[in-house]
Amino acid sequence: MIGIDILEIVRVQQLISDKFLDRVFTDNEKAYILSKNTSPNTVTGMFCAKEAVLKALNRGIGNGSALKQVEIVHKECGCPCVKLYGNCQQLLADKGYSKVELSISHNDTTAVAVAVLMK
């Protein structure tokens, strides 16, 4: 299963506020975003990553609660990884997968993320 999401950075940049960050991102993600000076590129890339994972799981964002069940974390090398919680974690297992591989990229105007469910 594969999910992909692409967004124009300016669209997310207009949404960035404390309320938006609290609604979409976990405390760990917010700390990472703040360490990157709340860069719109970082925020958009991480948002795309969450959407890509949810698409790979065949799950929509619904009321937004699923967004916090997908956490984007970063290895020491900077590579993004995924931690799943709650219903999303159970859905991954129910589908017979054990992990999610993730790639995030962006340029000055657009961010994209691809998520692949792995056995």
PDB file of N, CA and C in Angstrom:
ATOM      1  N   MET A   1       0.848  -1.179   0.000  1.00  0.00           N
ATOM      2  CA  MET A   1       0.000   0.000   0.000  1.00  0.00           C
ATOM      3  C   MET A   1       0.891   1.237   0.000  1.00  0.00           C
ATOM      4  N   ILE A   2       0.494   2.202  -0.802  1.00  0.00           N
ATOM      5  CA  ILE A   2       1.255   3.436  -0.951  1.00  0.00           C
ATOM      6  C   ILE A   2       0.306   4.621  -0.797  1.00  0.00           C
ATOM      7  N   GLY A   3       0.789   5.669  -0.156  1.00  0.00           N
ATOM      8  CA  GLY A   3       0.058   6.922  -0.067  1.00  0.00           C
ATOM      9  C   GLY A   3       0.985   8.063  -0.438  1.00  0.00           C
ATOM     10  N   ILE A   4       0.441   9.063  -1.092  1.00  0.00           N
ATOM     11  CA  ILE A   4       1.239  10.232  -1.469  1.00  0.00           C
ATOM     12  C   ILE A   4       0.398  11.482  -1.225  1.00  0.00           C
ATOM     13  N   ASP A   5       1.069  12.562  -0.847  1.00  0.00           N
ATOM     14  CA  ASP A   5       0.378  13.835  -0.691  1.00  0.00           C
ATOM     15  C   ASP A   5       1.321  14.942  -1.127  1.00  0.00           C
ATOM     16  N   ILE A   6       0.756  15.961  -1.740  1.00  0.00           N
ATOM     17  CA  ILE A   6       1.523  17.111  -2.214  1.00  0.00           C
ATOM     18  C   ILE A   6       0.729  18.373  -1.890  1.00  0.00           C
ATOM     19  N   LEU A   7       1.426  19.394  -1.430  1.00  0.00           N
ATOM     20  CA  LEU A   7       0.779  20.650  -1.057  1.00  0.00           C
ATOM     21  C   LEU A   7       1.655  21.839  -1.412  1.00  0.00           C
ATOM     22  N   GLU A   8       1.008  22.922  -1.758  1.00  0.00           N
ATOM     23  CA  GLU A   8       1.728  24.177  -1.920  1.00  0.00           C
ATOM     24  C   GLU A   8       2.018  24.729  -0.523  1.00  0.00           C
ATOM     25  N   ILE A   9       3.244  25.111  -0.301  1.00  0.00           N
ATOM     26  CA  ILE A   9       3.673  25.570   1.027  1.00  0.00           C
ATOM     27  C   ILE A   9       2.895  26.804   1.463  1.00  0.00           C
ATOM     28  N   VAL A  10       2.583  27.694   0.546  1.00  0.00           N
ATOM     29  CA  VAL A  10       1.871  28.923   0.903  1.00  0.00           C
ATOM     30  C   VAL A  10       0.496  28.615   1.500  1.00  0.00           C
ATOM     31  N   ARG A  11      -0.152  27.531   1.075  1.00  0.00           N
ATOM     32  CA  ARG A  11      -1.470  27.166   1.624  1.00  0.00           C
ATOM     33  C   ARG A  11      -1.365  26.827   3.108  1.00  0.00           C
ATOM     34  N   VAL A  12      -0.339  26.072   3.472  1.00  0.00           N
ATOM     35  CA  VAL A  12      -0.159  25.707   4.880  1.00  0.00           C
ATOM     36  C   VAL A  12       0.389  26.893   5.668  1.00  0.00           C
ATOM     37  N   GLN A  13       1.258  27.674   5.053  1.00  0.00           N
ATOM     38  CA  GLN A  13       1.838  28.835   5.725  1.00  0.00           C
ATOM     39  C   GLN A  13       0.738  29.762   6.252  1.00  0.00           C
ATOM     40  N   GLN A  14      -0.331  29.894   5.489  1.00  0.00           N
ATOM     41  CA  GLN A  14      -1.447  30.758   5.898  1.00  0.00           C
ATOM     42  C   GLN A  14      -2.195  30.197   7.109  1.00  0.00           C
ATOM     43  N   LEU A  15      -2.064  28.894   7.354  1.00  0.00           N
ATOM     44  CA  LEU A  15      -2.772  28.252   8.460  1.00  0.00           C
ATOM     45  C   LEU A  15      -1.958  28.193   9.753  1.00  0.00           C
ATOM     46  N   ILE A  16      -0.641  28.390   9.653  1.00  0.00           N
ATOM     47  CA  ILE A  16       0.225  28.165  10.809  1.00  0.00           C
ATOM     48  C   ILE A  16      -0.120  29.140  11.940  1.00  0.00           C
ATOM     49  N   SER A  17      -0.500  28.547  13.050  1.00  0.00           N
ATOM     50  CA  SER A  17      -0.805  29.268  14.288  1.00  0.00           C
ATOM     51  C   SER A  17      -0.655  28.258  15.412  1.00  0.00           C
ATOM     52  N   ASP A  18      -0.673  28.729  16.643  1.00  0.00           N
ATOM     53  CA  ASP A  18      -0.614  27.799  17.776  1.00  0.00           C
ATOM     54  C   ASP A  18      -1.798  26.830  17.734  1.00  0.00           C
ATOM     55  N   LYS A  19      -2.963  27.345  17.391  1.00  0.00           N
ATOM     56  CA  LYS A  19      -4.165  26.502  17.341  1.00  0.00           C
ATOM     57  C   LYS A  19      -4.008  25.404  16.284  1.00  0.00           C
ATOM     58  N   PHE A  20      -3.523  25.767  15.111  1.00  0.00           N
ATOM     59  CA  PHE A  20      -3.309  24.788  14.044  1.00  0.00           C
ATOM     60  C   PHE A  20      -2.291  23.734  14.474  1.00  0.00           C
ATOM     61  N   LEU A  21      -1.156  24.169  15.019  1.00  0.00           N
ATOM     62  CA  LEU A  21      -0.122  23.229  15.445  1.00  0.00           C
ATOM     63  C   LEU A  21      -0.643  22.287  16.527  1.00  0.00           C
ATOM     64  N   ASP A  22      -1.432  22.810  17.463  1.00  0.00           N
ATOM     65  CA  ASP A  22      -2.000  21.978  18.529  1.00  0.00           C
ATOM     66  C   ASP A  22      -3.002  20.968  17.988  1.00  0.00           C
ATOM     67  N   ARG A  23      -3.748  21.345  16.969  1.00  0.00           N
ATOM     68  CA  ARG A  23      -4.783  20.473  16.408  1.00  0.00           C
ATOM     69  C   ARG A  23      -4.189  19.351  15.564  1.00  0.00           C
ATOM     70  N   VAL A  24      -3.065  19.624  14.893  1.00  0.00           N
ATOM     71  CA  VAL A  24      -2.521  18.703  13.900  1.00  0.00           C
ATOM     72  C   VAL A  24      -1.356  17.869  14.421  1.00  0.00           C
ATOM     73  N   PHE A  25      -0.513  18.449  15.260  1.00  0.00           N
ATOM     74  CA  PHE A  25       0.754  17.813  15.610  1.00  0.00           C
ATOM     75  C   PHE A  25       0.821  17.402  17.078  1.00  0.00           C
ATOM     76  N   THR A  26       1.568  16.330  17.334  1.00  0.00           N
ATOM     77  CA  THR A  26       1.818  15.878  18.705  1.00  0.00           C
ATOM     78  C   THR A  26       2.818  16.826  19.369  1.00  0.00           C
ATOM     79  N   ASP A  27       2.985  16.681  20.665  1.00  0.00           N
ATOM     80  CA  ASP A  27       3.955  17.516  21.383  1.00  0.00           C
ATOM     81  C   ASP A  27       5.368  17.312  20.844  1.00  0.00           C
ATOM     82  N   ASN A  28       5.734  16.065  20.538  1.00  0.00           N
ATOM     83  CA  ASN A  28       7.064  15.783  19.972  1.00  0.00           C
ATOM     84  C   ASN A  28       7.241  16.466  18.618  1.00  0.00           C
ATOM     85  N   GLU A  29       6.213  16.403  17.798  1.00  0.00           N
ATOM     86  CA  GLU A  29       6.294  17.051  16.482  1.00  0.00           C
ATOM     87  C   GLU A  29       6.399  18.565  16.613  1.00  0.00           C
ATOM     88  N   LYS A  30       5.627  19.118  17.529  1.00  0.00           N
ATOM     89  CA  LYS A  30       5.683  20.577  17.733  1.00  0.00           C
ATOM     90  C   LYS A  30       7.070  20.997  18.200  1.00  0.00           C
ATOM     91  N   ALA A  31       7.688  20.210  19.070  1.00  0.00           N
ATOM     92  CA  ALA A  31       9.041  20.528  19.525  1.00  0.00           C
ATOM     93  C   ALA A  31      10.014  20.514  18.351  1.00  0.00           C
ATOM     94  N   TYR A  32       9.870  19.540  17.455  1.00  0.00           N
ATOM     95  CA  TYR A  32      10.737  19.471  16.275  1.00  0.00           C
ATOM     96  C   TYR A  32      10.496  20.694  15.378  1.00  0.00           C
ATOM     97  N   ILE A  33       9.235  21.018  15.156  1.00  0.00           N
ATOM     98  CA  ILE A  33       8.883  22.169  14.317  1.00  0.00           C
ATOM     99  C   ILE A  33       9.473  23.451  14.909  1.00  0.00           C
ATOM    100  N   LEU A  34       9.356  23.624  16.207  1.00  0.00           N
ATOM    101  CA  LEU A  34       9.917  24.816  16.858  1.00  0.00           C
ATOM    102  C   LEU A  34      11.436  24.846  16.737  1.00  0.00           C
ATOM    103  N   SER A  35      12.075  23.667  16.772  1.00  0.00           N
ATOM    104  CA  SER A  35      13.536  23.618  16.619  1.00  0.00           C
ATOM    105  C   SER A  35      13.965  24.042  15.223  1.00  0.00           C
ATOM    106  N   LYS A  36      13.028  24.013  14.285  1.00  0.00           N
ATOM    107  CA  LYS A  36      13.276  24.447  12.900  1.00  0.00           C
ATOM    108  C   LYS A  36      12.682  25.830  12.652  1.00  0.00           C
ATOM    109  N   ASN A  37      12.478  26.586  13.740  1.00  0.00           N
ATOM    110  CA  ASN A  37      11.951  27.959  13.663  1.00  0.00           C
ATOM    111  C   ASN A  37      10.589  28.032  12.964  1.00  0.00           C
ATOM    112  N   THR A  38       9.782  27.012  13.166  1.00  0.00           N
ATOM    113  CA  THR A  38       8.432  26.922  12.582  1.00  0.00           C
ATOM    114  C   THR A  38       8.485  27.192  11.078  1.00  0.00           C
ATOM    115  N   SER A  39       9.466  26.605  10.428  1.00  0.00           N
ATOM    116  CA  SER A  39       9.618  26.754   8.983  1.00  0.00           C
ATOM    117  C   SER A  39       8.376  26.233   8.261  1.00  0.00           C
ATOM    118  N   PRO A  40       7.775  27.056   7.398  1.00  0.00           N
ATOM    119  CA  PRO A  40       6.623  26.575   6.626  1.00  0.00           C
ATOM    120  C   PRO A  40       6.948  25.326   5.801  1.00  0.00           C
ATOM    121  N   ASN A  41       8.182  25.216   5.323  1.00  0.00           N
ATOM    122  CA  ASN A  41       8.574  24.019   4.565  1.00  0.00           C
ATOM    123  C   ASN A  41       8.495  22.785   5.455  1.00  0.00           C
ATOM    124  N   THR A  42       8.994  22.895   6.688  1.00  0.00           N
ATOM    125  CA  THR A  42       8.962  21.782   7.627  1.00  0.00           C
ATOM    126  C   THR A  42       7.530  21.417   7.990  1.00  0.00           C
ATOM    127  N   VAL A  43       6.727  22.412   8.328  1.00  0.00           N
ATOM    128  CA  VAL A  43       5.337  22.169   8.714  1.00  0.00           C
ATOM    129  C   VAL A  43       4.577  21.509   7.563  1.00  0.00           C
ATOM    130  N   THR A  44       4.751  22.027   6.351  1.00  0.00           N
ATOM    131  CA  THR A  44       4.038  21.474   5.206  1.00  0.00           C
ATOM    132  C   THR A  44       4.502  20.052   4.909  1.00  0.00           C
ATOM    133  N   GLY A  45       5.802  19.813   4.970  1.00  0.00           N
ATOM    134  CA  GLY A  45       6.315  18.470   4.726  1.00  0.00           C
ATOM    135  C   GLY A  45       5.780  17.467   5.729  1.00  0.00           C
ATOM    136  N   MET A  46       5.739  17.840   6.997  1.00  0.00           N
ATOM    137  CA  MET A  46       5.232  16.936   8.022  1.00  0.00           C
ATOM    138  C   MET A  46       3.726  16.724   7.882  1.00  0.00           C
ATOM    139  N   PHE A  47       3.000  17.769   7.497  1.00  0.00           N
ATOM    140  CA  PHE A  47       1.569  17.622   7.265  1.00  0.00           C
ATOM    141  C   PHE A  47       1.330  16.664   6.093  1.00  0.00           C
ATOM    142  N   CYS A  48       2.085  16.844   5.013  1.00  0.00           N
ATOM    143  CA  CYS A  48       1.980  15.940   3.857  1.00  0.00           C
ATOM    144  C   CYS A  48       2.276  14.502   4.271  1.00  0.00           C
ATOM    145  N   ALA A  49       3.267  14.323   5.121  1.00  0.00           N
ATOM    146  CA  ALA A  49       3.633  12.980   5.564  1.00  0.00           C
ATOM    147  C   ALA A  49       2.472  12.315   6.301  1.00  0.00           C
ATOM    148  N   LYS A  50       1.822  13.053   7.181  1.00  0.00           N
ATOM    149  CA  LYS A  50       0.672  12.509   7.900  1.00  0.00           C
ATOM    150  C   LYS A  50      -0.426  12.107   6.920  1.00  0.00           C
ATOM    151  N   GLU A  51      -0.712  12.984   5.958  1.00  0.00           N
ATOM    152  CA  GLU A  51      -1.736  12.694   4.956  1.00  0.00           C
ATOM    153  C   GLU A  51      -1.364  11.472   4.121  1.00  0.00           C
ATOM    154  N   ALA A  52      -0.105  11.361   3.731  1.00  0.00           N
ATOM    155  CA  ALA A  52       0.340  10.216   2.924  1.00  0.00           C
ATOM    156  C   ALA A  52       0.165   8.914   3.693  1.00  0.00           C
ATOM    157  N   VAL A  53       0.512   8.928   4.977  1.00  0.00           N
ATOM    158  CA  VAL A  53       0.344   7.720   5.797  1.00  0.00           C
ATOM    159  C   VAL A  53      -1.132   7.351   5.895  1.00  0.00           C
ATOM    160  N   LEU A  54      -1.983   8.325   6.144  1.00  0.00           N
ATOM    161  CA  LEU A  54      -3.413   8.052   6.246  1.00  0.00           C
ATOM    162  C   LEU A  54      -3.977   7.529   4.925  1.00  0.00           C
ATOM    163  N   LYS A  55      -3.498   8.043   3.822  1.00  0.00           N
ATOM    164  CA  LYS A  55      -3.934   7.532   2.522  1.00  0.00           C
ATOM    165  C   LYS A  55      -3.477   6.090   2.317  1.00  0.00           C
ATOM    166  N   ALA A  56      -2.247   5.774   2.716  1.00  0.00           N
ATOM    167  CA  ALA A  56      -1.751   4.402   2.595  1.00  0.00           C
ATOM    168  C   ALA A  56      -2.591   3.448   3.436  1.00  0.00           C
ATOM    169  N   LEU A  57      -3.077   3.937   4.565  1.00  0.00           N
ATOM    170  CA  LEU A  57      -3.930   3.124   5.441  1.00  0.00           C
ATOM    171  C   LEU A  57      -5.388   3.116   4.985  1.00  0.00           C
ATOM    172  N   ASN A  58      -5.699   3.832   3.909  1.00  0.00           N
ATOM    173  CA  ASN A  58      -7.079   3.996   3.422  1.00  0.00           C
ATOM    174  C   ASN A  58      -7.972   4.630   4.481  1.00  0.00           C
ATOM    175  N   ARG A  59      -7.415   5.616   5.162  1.00  0.00           N
ATOM    176  CA  ARG A  59      -8.154   6.301   6.211  1.00  0.00           C
ATOM    177  C   ARG A  59      -8.098   7.798   5.962  1.00  0.00           C
ATOM    178  N   GLY A  60      -9.215   8.457   6.071  1.00  0.00           N
ATOM    179  CA  GLY A  60      -9.242   9.899   5.914  1.00  0.00           C
ATOM    180  C   GLY A  60      -8.918  10.594   7.221  1.00  0.00           C
ATOM    181  N   ILE A  61      -8.812  11.913   7.164  1.00  0.00           N
ATOM    182  CA  ILE A  61      -8.503  12.652   8.390  1.00  0.00           C
ATOM    183  C   ILE A  61      -9.759  12.886   9.223  1.00  0.00           C
ATOM    184  N   GLY A  62     -10.941  12.724   8.637  1.00  0.00           N
ATOM    185  CA  GLY A  62     -12.184  12.863   9.394  1.00  0.00           C
ATOM    186  C   GLY A  62     -12.225  14.157  10.161  1.00  0.00           C
ATOM    187  N   ASN A  63     -12.418  14.056  11.461  1.00  0.00           N
ATOM    188  CA  ASN A  63     -12.490  15.259  12.294  1.00  0.00           C
ATOM    189  C   ASN A  63     -11.103  15.742  12.721  1.00  0.00           C
ATOM    190  N   GLY A  64     -10.072  15.128  12.193  1.00  0.00           N
ATOM    191  CA  GLY A  64      -8.717  15.546  12.514  1.00  0.00           C
ATOM    192  C   GLY A  64      -8.045  14.703  13.576  1.00  0.00           C
ATOM    193  N   SER A  65      -8.822  13.882  14.300  1.00  0.00           N
ATOM    194  CA  SER A  65      -8.224  13.088  15.378  1.00  0.00           C
ATOM    195  C   SER A  65      -7.196  12.095  14.851  1.00  0.00           C
ATOM    196  N   ALA A  66      -7.367  11.609  13.628  1.00  0.00           N
ATOM    197  CA  ALA A  66      -6.409  10.654  13.060  1.00  0.00           C
ATOM    198  C   ALA A  66      -5.044  11.297  12.853  1.00  0.00           C
ATOM    199  N   LEU A  67      -5.002  12.598  12.645  1.00  0.00           N
ATOM    200  CA  LEU A  67      -3.724  13.264  12.404  1.00  0.00           C
ATOM    201  C   LEU A  67      -2.761  13.087  13.571  1.00  0.00           C
ATOM    202  N   LYS A  68      -3.265  13.082  14.788  1.00  0.00           N
ATOM    203  CA  LYS A  68      -2.395  12.916  15.952  1.00  0.00           C
ATOM    204  C   LYS A  68      -2.082  11.450  16.238  1.00  0.00           C
ATOM    205  N   GLN A  69      -2.736  10.532  15.533  1.00  0.00           N
ATOM    206  CA  GLN A  69      -2.422   9.112  15.665  1.00  0.00           C
ATOM    207  C   GLN A  69      -1.264   8.725  14.750  1.00  0.00           C
ATOM    208  N   VAL A  70      -0.851   9.655  13.915  1.00  0.00           N
ATOM    209  CA  VAL A  70       0.312   9.491  13.036  1.00  0.00           C
ATOM    210  C   VAL A  70       1.339  10.515  13.492  1.00  0.00           C
ATOM    211  N   GLU A  71       2.447  10.032  14.011  1.00  0.00           N
ATOM    212  CA  GLU A  71       3.493  10.945  14.495  1.00  0.00           C
ATOM    213  C   GLU A  71       4.724  10.813  13.608  1.00  0.00           C
ATOM    214  N   ILE A  72       5.210  11.947  13.124  1.00  0.00           N
ATOM    215  CA  ILE A  72       6.418  11.985  12.308  1.00  0.00           C
ATOM    216  C   ILE A  72       7.587  12.311  13.235  1.00  0.00           C
ATOM    217  N   VAL A  73       8.518  11.390  13.317  1.00  0.00           N
ATOM    218  CA  VAL A  73       9.717  11.582  14.136  1.00  0.00           C
ATOM    219  C   VAL A  73      10.927  11.530  13.223  1.00  0.00           C
ATOM    220  N   HIS A  74      12.046  11.974  13.727  1.00  0.00           N
ATOM    221  CA  HIS A  74      13.257  12.023  12.901  1.00  0.00           C
ATOM    222  C   HIS A  74      14.408  11.312  13.584  1.00  0.00           C
ATOM    223  N   LYS A  75      15.111  10.495  12.822  1.00  0.00           N
ATOM    224  CA  LYS A  75      16.314   9.827  13.323  1.00  0.00           C
ATOM    225  C   LYS A  75      17.407  10.877  13.486  1.00  0.00           C
ATOM    226  N   GLU A  76      18.501  10.486  14.147  1.00  0.00           N
ATOM    227  CA  GLU A  76      19.621  11.414  14.332  1.00  0.00           C
ATOM    228  C   GLU A  76      20.151  11.939  13.009  1.00  0.00           C
ATOM    229  N   CYS A  77      20.077  11.118  11.967  1.00  0.00           N
ATOM    230  CA  CYS A  77      20.561  11.531  10.652  1.00  0.00           C
ATOM    231  C   CYS A  77      19.604  12.497   9.961  1.00  0.00           C
ATOM    232  N   GLY A  78      18.414  12.687  10.552  1.00  0.00           N
ATOM    233  CA  GLY A  78      17.427  13.591   9.979  1.00  0.00           C
ATOM    234  C   GLY A  78      16.343  12.891   9.180  1.00  0.00           C
ATOM    235  N   CYS A  79      16.498  11.595   8.938  1.00  0.00           N
ATOM    236  CA  CYS A  79      15.505  10.840   8.161  1.00  0.00           C
ATOM    237  C   CYS A  79      14.183  10.761   8.920  1.00  0.00           C
ATOM    238  N   PRO A  80      13.067  10.987   8.221  1.00  0.00           N
ATOM    239  CA  PRO A  80      11.777  10.890   8.893  1.00  0.00           C
ATOM    240  C   PRO A  80      11.340   9.438   9.071  1.00  0.00           C
ATOM    241  N   CYS A  81      10.655   9.202  10.171  1.00  0.00           N
ATOM    242  CA  CYS A  81      10.069   7.898  10.485  1.00  0.00           C
ATOM    243  C   CYS A  81       8.647   8.124  10.968  1.00  0.00           C
ATOM    244  N   VAL A  82       7.897   7.039  11.069  1.00  0.00           N
ATOM    245  CA  VAL A  82       6.502   7.128  11.488  1.00  0.00           C
ATOM    246  C   VAL A  82       6.273   6.291  12.735  1.00  0.00           C
ATOM    247  N   LYS A  83       5.568   6.876  13.702  1.00  0.00           N
ATOM    248  CA  LYS A  83       5.038   6.139  14.842  1.00  0.00           C
ATOM    249  C   LYS A  83       3.521   6.250  14.757  1.00  0.00           C
ATOM    250  N   LEU A  84       2.857   5.113  14.898  1.00  0.00           N
ATOM    251  CA  LEU A  84       1.396   5.102  14.855  1.00  0.00           C
ATOM    252  C   LEU A  84       0.838   4.813  16.237  1.00  0.00           C
ATOM    253  N   TYR A  85      -0.332   5.378  16.506  1.00  0.00           N
ATOM    254  CA  TYR A  85      -1.010   5.196  17.779  1.00  0.00           C
ATOM    255  C   TYR A  85      -2.478   4.854  17.526  1.00  0.00           C
ATOM    256  N   GLY A  86      -3.117   4.304  18.543  1.00  0.00           N
ATOM    257  CA  GLY A  86      -4.556   4.097  18.519  1.00  0.00           C
ATOM    258  C   GLY A  86      -5.056   3.312  17.326  1.00  0.00           C
ATOM    259  N   ASN A  87      -6.131   3.826  16.731  1.00  0.00           N
ATOM    260  CA  ASN A  87      -6.775   3.150  15.610  1.00  0.00           C
ATOM    261  C   ASN A  87      -5.847   2.977  14.412  1.00  0.00           C
ATOM    262  N   CYS A  88      -4.968   3.927  14.188  1.00  0.00           N
ATOM    263  CA  CYS A  88      -4.045   3.824  13.051  1.00  0.00           C
ATOM    264  C   CYS A  88      -3.060   2.680  13.249  1.00  0.00           C
ATOM    265  N   GLN A  89      -2.572   2.515  14.463  1.00  0.00           N
ATOM    266  CA  GLN A  89      -1.660   1.407  14.761  1.00  0.00           C
ATOM    267  C   GLN A  89      -2.376   0.070  14.560  1.00  0.00           C
ATOM    268  N   GLN A  90      -3.622  -0.005  15.027  1.00  0.00           N
ATOM    269  CA  GLN A  90      -4.405  -1.229  14.881  1.00  0.00           C
ATOM    270  C   GLN A  90      -4.715  -1.506  13.419  1.00  0.00           C
ATOM    271  N   LEU A  91      -5.023  -0.471  12.663  1.00  0.00           N
ATOM    272  CA  LEU A  91      -5.330  -0.626  11.241  1.00  0.00           C
ATOM    273  C   LEU A  91      -4.127  -1.176  10.481  1.00  0.00           C
ATOM    274  N   LEU A  92      -2.932  -0.706  10.798  1.00  0.00           N
ATOM    275  CA  LEU A  92      -1.712  -1.208  10.172  1.00  0.00           C
ATOM    276  C   LEU A  92      -1.580  -2.716  10.426  1.00  0.00           C
ATOM    277  N   ALA A  93      -1.769  -3.122  11.666  1.00  0.00           N
ATOM    278  CA  ALA A  93      -1.661  -4.539  12.022  1.00  0.00           C
ATOM    279  C   ALA A  93      -2.767  -5.357  11.356  1.00  0.00           C
ATOM    280  N   ASP A  94      -3.985  -4.822  11.343  1.00  0.00           N
ATOM    281  CA  ASP A  94      -5.112  -5.534  10.727  1.00  0.00           C
ATOM    282  C   ASP A  94      -4.892  -5.771   9.244  1.00  0.00           C
ATOM    283  N   LYS A  95      -4.174  -4.874   8.599  1.00  0.00           N
ATOM    284  CA  LYS A  95      -3.884  -5.013   7.172  1.00  0.00           C
ATOM    285  C   LYS A  95      -2.703  -5.945   6.922  1.00  0.00           C
ATOM    286  N   GLY A  96      -2.063  -6.411   7.993  1.00  0.00           N
ATOM    287  CA  GLY A  96      -0.950  -7.345   7.861  1.00  0.00           C
ATOM    288  C   GLY A  96       0.404  -6.692   7.631  1.00  0.00           C
ATOM    289  N   TYR A  97       0.522  -5.413   7.989  1.00  0.00           N
ATOM    290  CA  TYR A  97       1.785  -4.699   7.834  1.00  0.00           C
ATOM    291  C   TYR A  97       2.395  -4.430   9.203  1.00  0.00           C
ATOM    292  N   SER A  98       3.706  -4.204   9.226  1.00  0.00           N
ATOM    293  CA  SER A  98       4.368  -3.992  10.513  1.00  0.00           C
ATOM    294  C   SER A  98       5.001  -2.607  10.655  1.00  0.00           C
ATOM    295  N   LYS A  99       5.232  -1.918   9.535  1.00  0.00           N
ATOM    296  CA  LYS A  99       5.842  -0.585   9.642  1.00  0.00           C
ATOM    297  C   LYS A  99       5.506   0.247   8.409  1.00  0.00           C
ATOM    298  N   VAL A 100       5.839   1.520   8.513  1.00  0.00           N
ATOM    299  CA  VAL A 100       5.620   2.463   7.420  1.00  0.00           C
ATOM    300  C   VAL A 100       6.950   3.099   7.057  1.00  0.00           C
ATOM    301  N   GLU A 101       7.315   3.023   5.795  1.00  0.00           N
ATOM    302  CA  GLU A 101       8.496   3.742   5.291  1.00  0.00           C
ATOM    303  C   GLU A 101       8.018   5.070   4.739  1.00  0.00           C
ATOM    304  N   LEU A 102       8.824   6.112   4.923  1.00  0.00           N
ATOM    305  CA  LEU A 102       8.381   7.460   4.599  1.00  0.00           C
ATOM    306  C   LEU A 102       9.483   8.265   3.940  1.00  0.00           C
ATOM    307  N   SER A 103       9.103   9.075   2.969  1.00  0.00           N
ATOM    308  CA  SER A 103      10.014  10.036   2.367  1.00  0.00           C
ATOM    309  C   SER A 103       9.291  11.374   2.243  1.00  0.00           C
ATOM    310  N   ILE A 104       9.992  12.443   2.608  1.00  0.00           N
ATOM    311  CA  ILE A 104       9.456  13.804   2.517  1.00  0.00           C
ATOM    312  C   ILE A 104      10.438  14.639   1.706  1.00  0.00           C
ATOM    313  N   SER A 105       9.904  15.476   0.820  1.00  0.00           N
ATOM    314  CA  SER A 105      10.765  16.376   0.054  1.00  0.00           C
ATOM    315  C   SER A 105      10.023  17.686  -0.180  1.00  0.00           C
ATOM    316  N   HIS A 106      10.777  18.747  -0.390  1.00  0.00           N
ATOM    317  CA  HIS A 106      10.153  20.031  -0.719  1.00  0.00           C
ATOM    318  C   HIS A 106      11.146  20.917  -1.450  1.00  0.00           C
ATOM    319  N   ASN A 107      10.585  21.884  -2.174  1.00  0.00           N
ATOM    320  CA  ASN A 107      11.388  22.950  -2.749  1.00  0.00           C
ATOM    321  C   ASN A 107      10.837  24.257  -2.170  1.00  0.00           C
ATOM    322  N   ASP A 108      11.036  25.359  -2.819  1.00  0.00           N
ATOM    323  CA  ASP A 108      10.583  26.637  -2.267  1.00  0.00           C
ATOM    324  C   ASP A 108       9.067  26.797  -2.276  1.00  0.00           C
ATOM    325  N   THR A 109       8.357  26.037  -3.106  1.00  0.00           N
ATOM    326  CA  THR A 109       6.920  26.248  -3.256  1.00  0.00           C
ATOM    327  C   THR A 109       6.046  25.060  -2.903  1.00  0.00           C
ATOM    328  N   THR A 110       6.608  23.857  -2.918  1.00  0.00           N
ATOM    329  CA  THR A 110       5.781  22.659  -2.789  1.00  0.00           C
ATOM    330  C   THR A 110       6.462  21.625  -1.895  1.00  0.00           C
ATOM    331  N   ALA A 111       5.650  20.909  -1.134  1.00  0.00           N
ATOM    332  CA  ALA A 111       6.138  19.780  -0.337  1.00  0.00           C
ATOM    333  C   ALA A 111       5.400  18.523  -0.779  1.00  0.00           C
ATOM    334  N   VAL A 112       6.092  17.397  -0.691  1.00  0.00           N
ATOM    335  CA  VAL A 112       5.504  16.118  -1.070  1.00  0.00           C
ATOM    336  C   VAL A 112       5.978  15.054  -0.096  1.00  0.00           C
ATOM    337  N   ALA A 113       5.141  14.065   0.145  1.00  0.00           N
ATOM    338  CA  ALA A 113       5.526  12.938   0.991  1.00  0.00           C
ATOM    339  C   ALA A 113       4.933  11.666   0.401  1.00  0.00           C
ATOM    340  N   VAL A 114       5.701  10.584   0.542  1.00  0.00           N
ATOM    341  CA  VAL A 114       5.265   9.262   0.104  1.00  0.00           C
ATOM    342  C   VAL A 114       5.410   8.307   1.281  1.00  0.00           C
ATOM    343  N   ALA A 115       4.370   7.535   1.536  1.00  0.00           N
ATOM    344  CA  ALA A 115       4.380   6.537   2.599  1.00  0.00           C
ATOM    345  C   ALA A 115       4.094   5.171   1.988  1.00  0.00           C
ATOM    346  N   VAL A 116       4.883   4.176   2.417  1.00  0.00           N
ATOM    347  CA  VAL A 116       4.702   2.814   1.927  1.00  0.00           C
ATOM    348  C   VAL A 116       4.559   1.893   3.137  1.00  0.00           C
ATOM    349  N   LEU A 117       3.479   1.122   3.167  1.00  0.00           N
ATOM    350  CA  LEU A 117       3.287   0.145   4.226  1.00  0.00           C
ATOM    351  C   LEU A 117       4.133  -1.072   3.904  1.00  0.00           C
ATOM    352  N   MET A 118       4.847  -1.568   4.922  1.00  0.00           N
ATOM    353  CA  MET A 118       5.788  -2.680   4.738  1.00  0.00           C
ATOM    354  C   MET A 118       5.391  -3.848   5.640  1.00  0.00           C
ATOM    355  N   LYS A 119       5.698  -5.052   5.147  1.00  0.00           N
ATOM    356  CA  LYS A 119       5.446  -6.287   5.939  1.00  0.00           C
ATOM    357  C   LYS A 119       6.463  -6.399   7.039  1.00  0.00           C
TER     358      LYS A 119
END
